Amino acid sequence: MSEVSNIIKFLSGKRFPLSDETRLQSSIEEELQRDGVIFKREFRLSPEDRIDFLIGRVGVEVKIKGGKLAIYRQVERYAQRDAVDALILVTNVAMGMPEEINGKPVHVFNLGRAWL
């Protein structure tokens, strides 16, 4: 199973708080720590870009607010960085993403599904 699949499986079925992005990120961090996952928090991809989590070479960005175009542009910037081989957008914003941006796979994990 790929690292991306493992991360998505890890996130699946967990009910994370959706009211505040900082609280959500902290909750994900606690779950990662509890499960013994090795990760980097607020990893600096460039002087301008800092991704929420880097797990191996998979970047995980958490977004529960913001416009779809702004979110897409942020993911697109991250996909230009050498430190990531794939990206996962963790969100409750109903949106899609291309399967690949800048040659890197992009996956969307919808947080709302866990609440259904």
Protein backbone atom coordinates (compact mmCIF):
# COMPACT_ATOMS: atom_id res chain seq x y z
CA MET A 1 0.00 0.00 0.00
CA SER A 2 1.36 3.41 -0.90
CA GLU A 3 2.20 6.07 1.63
CA VAL A 4 -0.69 8.22 0.32
CA SER A 5 -3.13 5.32 0.76
CA ASN A 6 -1.85 4.71 4.28
CA ILE A 7 -2.36 8.37 5.23
CA ILE A 8 -5.88 8.44 3.77
CA LYS A 9 -6.72 5.18 5.54
CA PHE A 10 -5.36 6.68 8.78
CA LEU A 11 -7.59 9.77 8.42
CA SER A 12 -10.68 7.77 7.43
CA GLY A 13 -13.26 7.12 10.08
CA LYS A 14 -11.92 9.72 12.48
CA ARG A 15 -14.15 12.60 13.47
CA PHE A 16 -12.01 15.68 13.58
CA PRO A 17 -13.31 19.06 14.82
CA LEU A 18 -14.38 21.22 11.88
CA SER A 19 -15.08 24.54 13.62
CA ASP A 20 -11.53 25.91 13.66
CA GLU A 21 -8.57 25.11 11.38
CA THR A 22 -5.96 25.46 14.12
CA ARG A 23 -7.90 23.09 16.38
CA LEU A 24 -8.32 20.66 13.47
CA GLN A 25 -4.58 20.68 12.75
CA SER A 26 -3.80 20.07 16.42
CA SER A 27 -6.25 17.19 16.52
CA ILE A 28 -4.66 15.60 13.44
CA GLU A 29 -1.23 16.10 15.01
CA GLU A 30 -2.38 14.37 18.23
CA GLU A 31 -3.72 11.40 16.26
CA LEU A 32 -0.49 11.11 14.26
CA GLN A 33 1.55 11.17 17.46
CA ARG A 34 -0.74 8.65 19.15
CA ASP A 35 -0.30 6.28 16.19
CA GLY A 36 3.48 6.74 16.16
CA VAL A 37 3.53 8.34 12.70
CA ILE A 38 6.73 10.21 11.93
CA PHE A 39 5.93 13.65 10.49
CA LYS A 40 7.09 17.23 10.32
CA ARG A 41 4.65 19.97 11.31
CA GLU A 42 4.53 23.34 9.52
CA PHE A 43 7.28 22.20 7.17
CA ARG A 44 8.87 25.02 5.19
CA LEU A 45 8.83 24.12 1.49
CA SER A 46 10.24 27.51 0.48
CA PRO A 47 10.67 30.94 2.06
CA GLU A 48 7.02 31.66 1.15
CA ASP A 49 5.42 28.23 1.55
CA ARG A 50 4.85 26.17 4.67
CA ILE A 51 2.75 23.01 4.46
CA ASP A 52 0.79 21.79 7.49
CA PHE A 53 2.32 18.30 7.59
CA LEU A 54 5.03 16.43 5.75
CA ILE A 55 4.78 12.66 6.20
CA GLY A 56 7.68 11.09 4.41
CA ARG A 57 7.54 12.86 1.07
CA VAL A 58 3.76 13.37 1.15
CA GLY A 59 2.56 16.89 1.87
CA VAL A 60 -0.71 17.22 3.78
CA GLU A 61 -2.48 20.58 3.68
CA VAL A 62 -5.53 21.23 5.88
CA LYS A 63 -8.14 23.73 4.67
CA ILE A 64 -11.62 24.26 6.07
CA LYS A 65 -12.13 27.82 4.87
CA GLY A 66 -11.19 29.84 1.86
CA GLY A 67 -12.10 30.15 -1.76
CA LYS A 68 -11.64 27.19 -4.06
CA LEU A 69 -9.35 29.08 -6.42
CA ALA A 70 -7.11 30.22 -3.55
CA ILE A 71 -6.93 26.66 -2.21
CA TYR A 72 -6.10 25.34 -5.68
CA ARG A 73 -3.34 27.92 -6.14
CA GLN A 74 -1.82 27.03 -2.80
CA VAL A 75 -1.77 23.31 -3.65
CA GLU A 76 -0.37 24.17 -7.08
CA ARG A 77 2.51 26.09 -5.45
CA TYR A 78 3.23 23.22 -3.10
CA ALA A 79 3.31 20.79 -6.03
CA GLN A 80 6.20 22.80 -7.49
CA ARG A 81 8.41 22.03 -4.49
CA ASP A 82 11.04 19.29 -4.57
CA ALA A 83 10.37 18.17 -0.98
CA VAL A 84 7.01 16.60 -1.91
CA ASP A 85 6.26 13.69 -4.22
CA ALA A 86 2.48 13.78 -3.62
CA LEU A 87 -0.09 15.99 -1.91
CA ILE A 88 -3.22 15.37 0.11
CA LEU A 89 -5.69 18.20 0.63
CA VAL A 90 -7.63 17.55 3.84
CA THR A 91 -10.78 19.67 3.66
CA ASN A 92 -14.49 20.02 4.20
CA VAL A 93 -14.75 22.40 1.24
CA ALA A 94 -16.67 20.65 -1.53
CA MET A 95 -14.18 20.79 -4.36
CA GLY A 96 -12.23 18.63 -6.71
CA MET A 97 -8.64 18.73 -7.84
CA PRO A 98 -6.88 17.43 -10.90
CA GLU A 99 -5.38 13.98 -10.30
CA GLU A 100 -1.97 15.50 -10.91
CA ILE A 101 -0.46 18.98 -10.63
CA ASN A 102 3.08 19.71 -11.85
CA GLY A 103 3.58 15.97 -12.31
CA LYS A 104 2.67 15.13 -8.71
CA PRO A 105 -0.39 13.16 -7.61
CA VAL A 106 -2.96 15.18 -5.70
CA HIS A 107 -5.66 13.61 -3.52
CA VAL A 108 -8.59 15.25 -1.74
CA PHE A 109 -9.70 13.83 1.59
CA ASN A 110 -13.14 15.15 2.53
CA LEU A 111 -13.48 15.47 6.30
CA GLY A 112 -17.28 15.61 6.11
CA ARG A 113 -17.50 11.94 5.09
CA ALA A 114 -16.46 10.82 8.56
CA TRP A 115 -19.47 12.65 10.00
CA LEU A 116 -22.00 10.83 7.77
